[in-house]
Amino acid sequence: MNMDFSLNLTQEQKLVMTQEMQLSVKLLQMSGFELQEYVEKEVQENPVLDAKGSSGNSEENNKMDYKELVKYFEFDNYSHHNYEKKDDEEISPFSFISEKKSLKEYLKEQIRDLGVKDFIKSICLYIIENIDERGYLGITDDEITEDLKISMALTKHCVETIQSLEPSGIGARDLKECLKIQIIKKDIQEQAIFEIIDNHLELLAENKYNNIAKILNIDVKKAQEYGDVIKTLHPKPSRGFFTGEEVKYITPDAYIKKIDNEYFILMNDDMLPKLSINQMYKEIIRNENDKEAVEYVKEKLNSAMFLIKSIQHRKSTIYRVLEKILETQRDYFDYGDEYLKPMTLKEIAEELSVHESTISRAIRDKYIYTNKGTIRIKDLFTTAISSNNSGGEDVSVKIIKKSIKDLIDKEDKEKPLSDQVICDLINEEGMNISRRTVAKYREEMGIKSSKGRKRF
């Protein structure tokens, strides 16, 4: 029996991510607010790290008079508007925080202001605590009566009190009751509109006004009027209030400022405290008598250095990406949305000689502050649609969507444009798209088909 023993030398390539590389990737994809939270946690856990506010910690710098304090807290609700800054106005980090008042606190304030007896207020406050994140009341009248050992009449009175508060529709048990509360507050008394809410919401959602009119024995135009009123109502009363289910803060990573016809990128250094190494721990390393303490400090020192270096790498990567975006989208920053050029992650990655995933991480949940307000960097990346015009330049998807929306906004609502007609009109302007593409972009914008848009 022959046994062949031999040694084979093979060469194999493997990518092994070091601890430093992993941290760098992790920090790069964090949003500004996530990075703030992470750094704060690291500062608390690593005694080697020193953190100072970027504006200094002196008592003089910390002083702020009442007028300044009020000014800093006069910010817009980011969920509805871009924050616009005047040239002579100081930029405040508070300008980028989403303003959401607690729903329950708002309801409790209204109850406290009511001229009712204290025991009524106590019952109402109990009911408020049982309102869910949608603004709906999650317990029945029977449960309230049983829990508080009160009469059914008193329970109903207190529930009606809650339902009389703002926002309209609060304290409803379901969607239908929520809508009917809002209708009553509008002082609308037509029985037909209540009938639609109770029994025909599915027909309304499909714009089947002919069916509704036939069932209720009313005019089609009247059925449509009722439908229009119902569609203005809010199915989620908690809309616009903080309910505990989400907290989102917008912190721009950079400011894009135009000076003398040239754009400059100003990285937001105020976003994070200035990190440094505590000098006391450097002395411990020199003390070789306590090897256990030295090893501990070395470990923490390496961790601190990795963090500082990775934050700097994150900053430089985002800066380089923004430089390329400015170079590509100069017309957009000068003239607006209609001049946004097609731009992909792959193109920017190739120009910077990095992997496409690096660009993806660098723009994830990142925002820039410009003269147009606060912009999500990702929104500047759009794919291209080929053009039929003589210039041969590709057209941004964002521009195609705007053209579709403009045509629909101007259409005759009694005879809305079909997707094929919209396709033909856009192609006449030199853009090359198909009917299926029109349908896809229309649905992405939340616009109904021609049948769903038809008005009588």
Protein backbone atom coordinates (compact mmCIF):
# COMPACT_ATOMS: atom_id res chain seq x y z
CA MET A 1 0.00 0.00 0.00
CA ASN A 2 1.58 3.24 -1.17
CA MET A 3 0.84 6.40 0.70
CA ASP A 4 1.74 9.66 -0.98
CA PHE A 5 2.64 12.38 1.46
CA SER A 6 3.32 15.75 -0.12
CA LEU A 7 3.26 19.41 0.74
CA ASN A 8 1.33 21.83 -1.51
CA LEU A 9 1.89 25.55 -1.35
CA THR A 10 -1.17 27.57 -2.32
CA GLN A 11 -1.74 31.29 -2.40
CA GLU A 12 -5.07 32.65 -1.19
CA GLN A 13 -6.38 36.20 -0.91
CA LYS A 14 -8.52 37.10 2.08
CA LEU A 15 -9.83 40.41 3.27
CA VAL A 16 -9.58 40.55 7.02
CA MET A 17 -11.15 43.64 8.56
CA THR A 18 -9.16 44.94 11.49
CA GLN A 19 -10.85 46.43 14.54
CA GLU A 20 -9.96 49.89 13.27
CA MET A 21 -11.48 49.22 9.82
CA GLN A 22 -14.68 47.91 11.38
CA LEU A 23 -15.02 51.01 13.55
CA SER A 24 -14.35 53.28 10.59
CA VAL A 25 -17.10 51.61 8.52
CA LYS A 26 -19.50 51.69 11.45
CA LEU A 27 -19.02 55.41 12.08
CA LEU A 28 -19.15 56.32 8.39
CA GLN A 29 -22.70 55.01 7.98
CA MET A 30 -24.02 56.67 11.16
CA SER A 31 -26.22 59.74 10.90
CA GLY A 32 -25.07 62.88 12.66
CA PHE A 33 -27.38 62.27 15.60
CA GLU A 34 -26.36 58.58 15.88
CA LEU A 35 -22.72 59.63 15.93
CA GLN A 36 -23.42 62.13 18.71
CA GLU A 37 -25.04 59.41 20.82
CA TYR A 38 -22.20 56.98 20.13
CA VAL A 39 -19.48 59.49 21.07
CA GLU A 40 -21.29 60.44 24.27
CA LYS A 41 -21.48 56.75 25.23
CA GLU A 42 -17.78 56.22 24.47
CA VAL A 43 -16.78 59.25 26.54
CA GLN A 44 -18.71 57.87 29.50
CA GLU A 45 -17.18 54.40 29.19
CA ASN A 46 -13.59 55.34 28.33
CA PRO A 47 -11.83 57.35 31.07
CA VAL A 48 -8.92 58.09 28.73
CA LEU A 49 -11.14 60.29 26.54
CA ASP A 50 -11.60 63.96 27.34
CA ALA A 51 -14.49 65.80 25.70
CA LYS A 52 -14.86 69.54 25.44
CA GLY A 53 -17.57 71.57 23.72
CA SER A 54 -16.34 73.07 20.48
CA SER A 55 -17.05 76.59 21.74
CA GLY A 56 -15.19 76.05 25.00
CA ASN A 57 -16.42 75.50 28.53
CA SER A 58 -15.63 78.85 30.09
CA GLU A 59 -18.30 80.53 32.15
CA GLU A 60 -18.25 83.50 29.78
CA ASN A 61 -18.99 81.32 26.77
CA ASN A 62 -21.80 79.56 28.56
CA LYS A 63 -23.68 82.78 29.29
CA MET A 64 -26.75 83.45 27.18
CA ASP A 65 -29.28 86.19 27.81
CA TYR A 66 -33.04 85.64 27.68
CA LYS A 67 -33.50 87.08 24.17
CA GLU A 68 -30.85 84.76 22.74
CA LEU A 69 -32.45 81.78 24.46
CA VAL A 70 -35.87 82.57 22.98
CA LYS A 71 -34.34 83.06 19.52
CA TYR A 72 -32.69 79.64 19.62
CA PHE A 73 -35.92 77.90 20.47
CA GLU A 74 -37.97 79.51 17.67
CA PHE A 75 -37.50 76.73 15.16
CA ASP A 76 -39.79 75.29 12.48
CA ASN A 77 -41.29 71.81 12.57
CA TYR A 78 -38.89 69.93 10.28
CA SER A 79 -41.52 67.34 9.40
CA HIS A 80 -43.36 69.99 7.35
CA HIS A 81 -40.88 72.69 6.26
CA ASN A 82 -37.26 73.26 5.34
CA TYR A 83 -35.54 75.54 7.80
CA GLU A 84 -34.63 78.75 5.97
CA LYS A 85 -31.82 80.89 7.34
CA LYS A 86 -31.26 84.58 6.63
CA ASP A 87 -27.74 85.70 5.78
CA ASP A 88 -27.35 87.67 9.01
CA GLU A 89 -28.79 84.97 11.26
CA GLU A 90 -26.54 82.80 13.42
CA ILE A 91 -26.86 79.09 12.75
CA SER A 92 -28.16 77.17 15.74
CA PRO A 93 -28.15 73.37 16.14
CA PHE A 94 -31.69 73.73 17.53
CA SER A 95 -32.80 74.79 14.05
CA PHE A 96 -32.50 71.21 12.85
CA ILE A 97 -34.43 69.48 15.63
CA SER A 98 -37.86 68.09 14.86
CA GLU A 99 -40.41 69.83 17.09
CA LYS A 100 -42.96 67.32 18.38
CA LYS A 101 -45.00 68.04 21.46
CA SER A 102 -46.17 65.14 23.61
CA LEU A 103 -49.75 64.25 22.69
CA LYS A 104 -50.69 63.21 26.21
CA GLU A 105 -49.18 66.35 27.74
CA TYR A 106 -51.17 68.45 25.28
CA LEU A 107 -54.39 66.66 26.24
CA LYS A 108 -53.64 66.96 29.96
CA GLU A 109 -53.05 70.71 29.59
CA GLN A 110 -56.49 71.08 28.01
CA ILE A 111 -58.15 69.04 30.79
CA ARG A 112 -56.47 71.16 33.47
CA ASP A 113 -57.82 74.30 31.81
CA LEU A 114 -61.41 73.02 31.79
CA GLY A 115 -63.76 74.42 34.42
CA VAL A 116 -64.83 71.01 35.73
CA LYS A 117 -64.67 69.38 39.14
CA ASP A 118 -61.48 67.67 40.27
CA PHE A 119 -62.95 64.15 40.24
CA ILE A 120 -63.98 64.65 36.57
CA LYS A 121 -60.44 65.77 35.78
CA SER A 122 -59.04 62.67 37.50
CA ILE A 123 -61.22 60.35 35.40
CA CYS A 124 -60.25 62.21 32.21
CA LEU A 125 -56.55 61.97 33.06
CA TYR A 126 -56.98 58.20 33.53
CA ILE A 127 -58.65 57.94 30.12
CA ILE A 128 -55.82 59.95 28.51
CA GLU A 129 -53.26 57.44 29.79
CA ASN A 130 -55.12 54.73 27.82
CA ILE A 131 -54.88 56.56 24.48
CA ASP A 132 -52.51 54.78 22.08
CA GLU A 133 -49.88 56.16 19.70
CA ARG A 134 -52.51 56.67 16.96
CA GLY A 135 -54.68 58.81 19.22
CA TYR A 136 -57.31 56.08 19.68
CA LEU A 137 -58.78 55.05 23.05
CA GLY A 138 -57.79 51.46 23.76
CA ILE A 139 -60.33 50.57 26.45
CA THR A 140 -64.14 50.27 26.38
CA ASP A 141 -66.70 52.15 28.45
CA ASP A 142 -67.35 48.97 30.41
CA GLU A 143 -63.67 48.62 31.29
CA ILE A 144 -63.45 52.25 32.46
CA THR A 145 -66.59 51.82 34.55
CA GLU A 146 -65.27 48.61 36.11
CA ASP A 147 -61.72 49.92 36.70
CA LEU A 148 -62.79 53.17 38.38
CA LYS A 149 -65.99 51.89 40.02
CA ILE A 150 -68.07 54.71 38.56
CA SER A 151 -71.42 54.87 36.77
CA MET A 152 -71.74 54.26 33.02
CA ALA A 153 -73.27 57.72 32.61
CA LEU A 154 -70.21 59.34 34.21
CA THR A 155 -67.89 57.24 32.03
CA LYS A 156 -69.68 58.32 28.85
CA HIS A 157 -69.60 61.96 29.95
CA CYS A 158 -65.82 61.84 30.53
CA VAL A 159 -65.15 60.02 27.24
CA GLU A 160 -67.19 62.67 25.41
CA THR A 161 -65.14 65.33 27.21
CA ILE A 162 -61.92 63.77 25.90
CA GLN A 163 -63.37 63.50 22.39
CA SER A 164 -64.21 67.21 22.47
CA LEU A 165 -60.52 68.11 22.83
CA GLU A 166 -57.98 68.88 20.14
CA PRO A 167 -56.67 67.33 17.95
CA SER A 168 -60.01 66.55 16.36
CA GLY A 169 -60.88 62.86 16.43
CA ILE A 170 -58.91 62.12 19.60
CA GLY A 171 -60.25 59.39 21.87
CA ALA A 172 -62.12 57.48 19.16
CA ARG A 173 -62.32 53.69 19.39
CA ASP A 174 -61.89 53.06 15.65
CA LEU A 175 -61.50 54.80 12.29
CA LYS A 176 -65.23 55.31 11.69
CA GLU A 177 -65.79 56.93 15.08
CA CYS A 178 -62.68 59.08 14.56
CA LEU A 179 -64.05 60.41 11.25
CA LYS A 180 -67.54 61.00 12.65
CA ILE A 181 -66.16 62.99 15.60
CA GLN A 182 -64.40 65.28 13.11
CA ILE A 183 -67.56 65.64 11.00
CA ILE A 184 -69.59 66.62 14.07
CA LYS A 185 -66.96 69.23 15.00
CA LYS A 186 -67.33 70.70 11.52
CA ASP A 187 -71.06 71.09 12.28
CA ILE A 188 -72.04 68.96 9.28
CA GLN A 189 -75.40 67.33 9.84
CA GLU A 190 -76.26 65.60 6.53
CA GLN A 191 -77.13 61.99 7.36
CA ALA A 192 -75.73 60.75 4.04
CA ILE A 193 -72.15 61.61 4.98
CA PHE A 194 -72.47 59.54 8.17
CA GLU A 195 -73.90 56.70 6.09
CA ILE A 196 -70.85 56.80 3.79
CA ILE A 197 -68.48 56.63 6.78
CA ASP A 198 -70.39 53.78 8.42
CA ASN A 199 -70.92 51.58 5.39
CA HIS A 200 -69.19 52.73 2.20
CA LEU A 201 -65.57 53.72 2.93
CA GLU A 202 -64.27 51.03 0.57
CA LEU A 203 -66.32 52.45 -2.30
CA LEU A 204 -65.05 55.93 -1.40
CA ALA A 205 -61.42 54.73 -1.44
CA GLU A 206 -61.97 53.50 -5.01
CA ASN A 207 -63.74 56.73 -6.05
CA LYS A 208 -66.89 54.78 -6.99
CA TYR A 209 -69.18 57.79 -6.60
CA ASN A 210 -71.73 56.41 -9.05
CA ASN A 211 -72.25 53.38 -6.78
CA ILE A 212 -72.48 55.54 -3.65
CA ALA A 213 -74.98 57.90 -5.29
CA LYS A 214 -77.16 54.99 -6.43
CA ILE A 215 -77.15 53.32 -2.98
CA LEU A 216 -77.94 56.55 -1.10
CA ASN A 217 -80.29 57.87 -3.79
CA ILE A 218 -78.40 61.15 -4.12
CA ASP A 219 -76.78 63.09 -6.97
CA VAL A 220 -73.31 61.88 -8.11
CA LYS A 221 -71.88 65.36 -7.65
CA LYS A 222 -73.26 65.46 -4.10
CA ALA A 223 -71.71 62.07 -3.35
CA GLN A 224 -68.38 63.43 -4.59
CA GLU A 225 -68.73 66.54 -2.39
CA TYR A 226 -69.25 64.31 0.65
CA GLY A 227 -66.25 62.23 -0.42
CA ASP A 228 -64.07 65.33 -0.72
CA VAL A 229 -65.02 66.36 2.83
CA ILE A 230 -64.24 62.92 4.26
CA LYS A 231 -60.87 62.84 2.50
CA THR A 232 -59.83 66.05 4.30
CA LEU A 233 -60.20 64.31 7.68
CA HIS A 234 -57.27 62.79 9.59
CA PRO A 235 -57.48 59.04 10.24
CA LYS A 236 -54.65 59.34 12.79
CA PRO A 237 -55.39 62.11 15.33
CA SER A 238 -51.90 61.88 16.85
CA ARG A 239 -50.38 63.17 13.60
CA GLY A 240 -47.83 65.91 14.35
CA PHE A 241 -47.35 64.98 18.02
CA PHE A 242 -44.67 62.99 19.80
CA THR A 243 -46.25 59.71 20.95
CA GLY A 244 -43.18 57.76 22.08
CA GLU A 245 -43.01 55.64 18.91
CA GLU A 246 -40.41 57.76 17.13
CA VAL A 247 -37.80 60.42 17.81
CA LYS A 248 -35.95 61.84 14.83
CA TYR A 249 -33.38 64.62 14.90
CA ILE A 250 -31.85 66.25 11.85
CA THR A 251 -28.23 67.29 12.27
CA PRO A 252 -26.52 68.52 9.09
CA ASP A 253 -23.03 67.15 8.57
CA ALA A 254 -22.03 70.17 6.50
CA TYR A 255 -23.07 73.60 5.31
CA ILE A 256 -22.80 74.56 1.63
CA LYS A 257 -22.21 78.30 1.36
CA LYS A 258 -21.79 80.43 -1.76
CA ILE A 259 -19.29 83.28 -1.53
CA ASP A 260 -18.33 85.41 -4.56
CA ASN A 261 -19.82 82.90 -7.02
CA GLU A 262 -17.88 80.03 -5.46
CA TYR A 263 -19.26 77.27 -3.23
CA PHE A 264 -17.53 76.27 -0.01
CA ILE A 265 -18.10 73.19 2.15
CA LEU A 266 -18.09 73.91 5.86
CA MET A 267 -18.12 70.72 7.91
CA ASN A 268 -20.30 70.88 11.01
CA ASP A 269 -17.64 70.67 13.72
CA ASP A 270 -20.15 71.81 16.35
CA MET A 271 -21.94 68.48 15.96
CA LEU A 272 -19.46 66.69 18.24
CA PRO A 273 -17.39 67.62 21.28
CA LYS A 274 -13.65 67.98 20.74
CA LEU A 275 -12.02 64.74 21.78
CA SER A 276 -8.54 64.50 23.27
CA ILE A 277 -6.48 62.13 25.42
CA ASN A 278 -6.38 62.76 29.15
CA GLN A 279 -2.77 63.52 30.08
CA MET A 280 -3.05 61.79 33.45
CA TYR A 281 -3.33 58.39 31.79
CA LYS A 282 -0.23 58.95 29.72
CA GLU A 283 1.71 59.14 33.02
CA ILE A 284 0.28 55.78 34.14
CA ILE A 285 1.77 54.07 31.07
CA ARG A 286 5.21 55.25 32.11
CA ASN A 287 4.73 53.56 35.49
CA GLU A 288 5.84 49.98 34.83
CA ASN A 289 5.31 48.81 38.43
CA ASP A 290 1.57 48.17 37.95
CA LYS A 291 1.48 46.10 34.76
CA GLU A 292 -2.27 45.38 35.07
CA ALA A 293 -3.08 49.10 35.19
CA VAL A 294 -0.71 49.78 32.30
CA GLU A 295 -2.38 47.11 30.13
CA TYR A 296 -5.84 48.49 30.94
CA VAL A 297 -4.82 52.04 30.05
CA LYS A 298 -3.11 50.91 26.84
CA GLU A 299 -6.30 49.15 25.77
CA LYS A 300 -8.42 52.22 26.50
CA LEU A 301 -5.83 54.48 24.86
CA ASN A 302 -5.89 52.42 21.65
CA SER A 303 -9.69 52.50 21.68
CA ALA A 304 -9.68 56.29 22.10
CA MET A 305 -7.16 56.78 19.29
CA PHE A 306 -9.19 54.52 16.98
CA LEU A 307 -12.30 56.59 17.68
CA ILE A 308 -10.63 59.94 17.06
CA LYS A 309 -8.97 58.68 13.87
CA SER A 310 -12.22 57.09 12.58
CA ILE A 311 -14.20 60.27 13.18
CA GLN A 312 -11.61 62.21 11.20
CA HIS A 313 -11.78 59.63 8.40
CA ARG A 314 -15.58 59.90 8.35
CA LYS A 315 -15.33 63.68 8.08
CA SER A 316 -12.77 63.61 5.24
CA THR A 317 -14.75 60.97 3.29
CA ILE A 318 -17.99 62.97 3.49
CA TYR A 319 -16.07 66.11 2.47
CA ARG A 320 -14.62 64.40 -0.61
CA VAL A 321 -18.06 63.09 -1.62
CA LEU A 322 -19.58 66.57 -1.23
CA GLU A 323 -16.78 68.05 -3.35
CA LYS A 324 -17.69 65.71 -6.22
CA ILE A 325 -21.40 66.38 -5.77
CA LEU A 326 -20.78 70.14 -5.96
CA GLU A 327 -18.68 69.66 -9.06
CA THR A 328 -21.40 67.57 -10.75
CA GLN A 329 -24.47 69.46 -9.54
CA ARG A 330 -23.28 73.08 -9.77
CA ASP A 331 -26.33 74.03 -11.89
CA TYR A 332 -28.67 72.50 -9.30
CA PHE A 333 -27.20 74.60 -6.49
CA ASP A 334 -27.35 77.69 -8.71
CA TYR A 335 -30.78 77.32 -10.32
CA GLY A 336 -32.83 74.66 -8.53
CA ASP A 337 -34.48 71.24 -8.96
CA GLU A 338 -35.01 71.46 -12.72
CA TYR A 339 -31.24 71.46 -13.22
CA LEU A 340 -30.50 68.36 -11.14
CA LYS A 341 -28.36 66.06 -13.31
CA PRO A 342 -28.44 62.25 -13.28
CA MET A 343 -25.83 61.08 -10.77
CA THR A 344 -25.24 57.60 -9.39
CA LEU A 345 -23.25 56.15 -6.49
CA LYS A 346 -21.14 54.20 -8.97
CA GLU A 347 -20.06 57.33 -10.85
CA ILE A 348 -18.97 59.16 -7.70
CA ALA A 349 -17.22 56.02 -6.41
CA GLU A 350 -15.22 55.67 -9.63
CA GLU A 351 -14.18 59.32 -9.56
CA LEU A 352 -12.98 58.99 -5.96
CA SER A 353 -11.45 55.52 -6.57
CA VAL A 354 -13.38 53.95 -3.71
CA HIS A 355 -15.95 51.16 -3.50
CA GLU A 356 -19.59 51.99 -4.23
CA SER A 357 -20.55 50.78 -0.73
CA THR A 358 -18.30 53.48 0.76
CA ILE A 359 -20.32 56.20 -0.99
CA SER A 360 -23.55 54.53 0.08
CA ARG A 361 -22.42 54.57 3.72
CA ALA A 362 -21.09 58.13 3.44
CA ILE A 363 -24.49 59.54 2.38
CA ARG A 364 -26.73 57.32 4.53
CA ASP A 365 -29.02 59.53 6.66
CA LYS A 366 -26.75 62.53 6.04
CA TYR A 367 -27.99 66.07 5.46
CA ILE A 368 -26.47 69.30 4.21
CA TYR A 369 -27.65 72.82 4.94
CA THR A 370 -27.85 75.07 1.85
CA ASN A 371 -29.53 78.32 0.83
CA LYS A 372 -32.46 76.11 -0.26
CA GLY A 373 -32.89 74.71 3.25
CA THR A 374 -31.84 71.36 4.69
CA ILE A 375 -31.36 68.69 1.99
CA ARG A 376 -30.86 64.95 2.30
CA ILE A 377 -27.72 64.07 0.35
CA LYS A 378 -29.29 60.87 -0.98
CA ASP A 379 -31.97 62.92 -2.77
CA LEU A 380 -29.28 64.38 -5.04
CA PHE A 381 -28.57 60.94 -6.51
CA THR A 382 -30.94 60.05 -9.35
CA THR A 383 -30.81 57.65 -12.27
CA ALA A 384 -30.93 58.82 -15.86
CA ILE A 385 -33.53 58.62 -18.62
CA SER A 386 -32.18 58.91 -22.16
CA SER A 387 -33.16 61.98 -24.11
CA ASN A 388 -34.21 62.35 -27.74
CA ASN A 389 -33.20 65.99 -28.05
CA SER A 390 -30.32 67.18 -30.18
CA GLY A 391 -28.08 67.80 -27.20
CA GLY A 392 -28.27 64.11 -26.30
CA GLU A 393 -28.03 64.81 -22.57
CA ASP A 394 -29.66 62.35 -20.18
CA VAL A 395 -32.53 63.55 -17.99
CA SER A 396 -32.84 63.05 -14.23
CA VAL A 397 -35.70 60.88 -12.94
CA LYS A 398 -36.57 63.74 -10.59
CA ILE A 399 -37.23 65.98 -13.61
CA ILE A 400 -39.37 63.26 -15.25
CA LYS A 401 -41.45 62.97 -12.07
CA LYS A 402 -41.87 66.74 -11.94
CA SER A 403 -43.08 66.75 -15.56
CA ILE A 404 -45.62 64.01 -14.79
CA LYS A 405 -46.89 65.88 -11.73
CA ASP A 406 -47.13 69.18 -13.63
CA LEU A 407 -49.22 67.56 -16.38
CA ILE A 408 -51.55 65.95 -13.83
CA ASP A 409 -51.90 69.19 -11.86
CA LYS A 410 -53.03 71.03 -15.01
CA GLU A 411 -55.30 68.32 -16.44
CA ASP A 412 -59.08 68.57 -16.80
CA LYS A 413 -60.32 66.66 -13.75
CA GLU A 414 -63.45 65.57 -15.60
CA LYS A 415 -61.24 63.99 -18.26
CA PRO A 416 -57.93 63.11 -16.56
CA LEU A 417 -54.93 62.10 -18.65
CA SER A 418 -54.20 58.40 -19.06
CA ASP A 419 -50.66 57.11 -18.50
CA GLN A 420 -50.27 56.62 -22.27
CA VAL A 421 -51.25 60.23 -23.02
CA ILE A 422 -48.83 61.48 -20.34
CA CYS A 423 -46.13 59.26 -21.85
CA ASP A 424 -46.75 60.70 -25.34
CA LEU A 425 -46.70 64.32 -24.07
CA ILE A 426 -43.43 63.82 -22.20
CA ASN A 427 -41.80 62.08 -25.17
CA GLU A 428 -42.79 65.07 -27.32
CA GLU A 429 -40.60 67.18 -25.01
CA GLY A 430 -37.59 65.07 -25.97
CA MET A 431 -37.61 62.57 -23.12
CA ASN A 432 -37.64 58.86 -23.83
CA ILE A 433 -39.90 56.92 -21.46
CA SER A 434 -42.53 54.18 -21.70
CA ARG A 435 -46.10 54.04 -20.41
CA ARG A 436 -45.05 51.53 -17.73
CA THR A 437 -42.40 53.99 -16.53
CA VAL A 438 -45.03 56.71 -16.22
CA ALA A 439 -47.24 54.37 -14.17
CA LYS A 440 -44.30 53.43 -11.93
CA TYR A 441 -43.27 57.03 -11.20
CA ARG A 442 -46.89 58.11 -10.71
CA GLU A 443 -47.39 55.40 -8.10
CA GLU A 444 -44.10 56.31 -6.37
CA MET A 445 -45.43 59.87 -6.01
CA GLY A 446 -48.68 58.57 -4.52
CA ILE A 447 -50.83 59.78 -7.44
CA LYS A 448 -53.84 57.70 -8.42
CA SER A 449 -54.60 56.42 -11.92
CA SER A 450 -56.78 58.45 -14.29
CA LYS A 451 -59.83 56.53 -13.08
CA GLY A 452 -59.07 57.39 -9.45
CA ARG A 453 -58.50 61.09 -10.31
CA LYS A 454 -61.73 61.56 -12.24
CA ARG A 455 -64.03 64.25 -10.87
CA PHE A 456 -67.66 64.90 -11.75
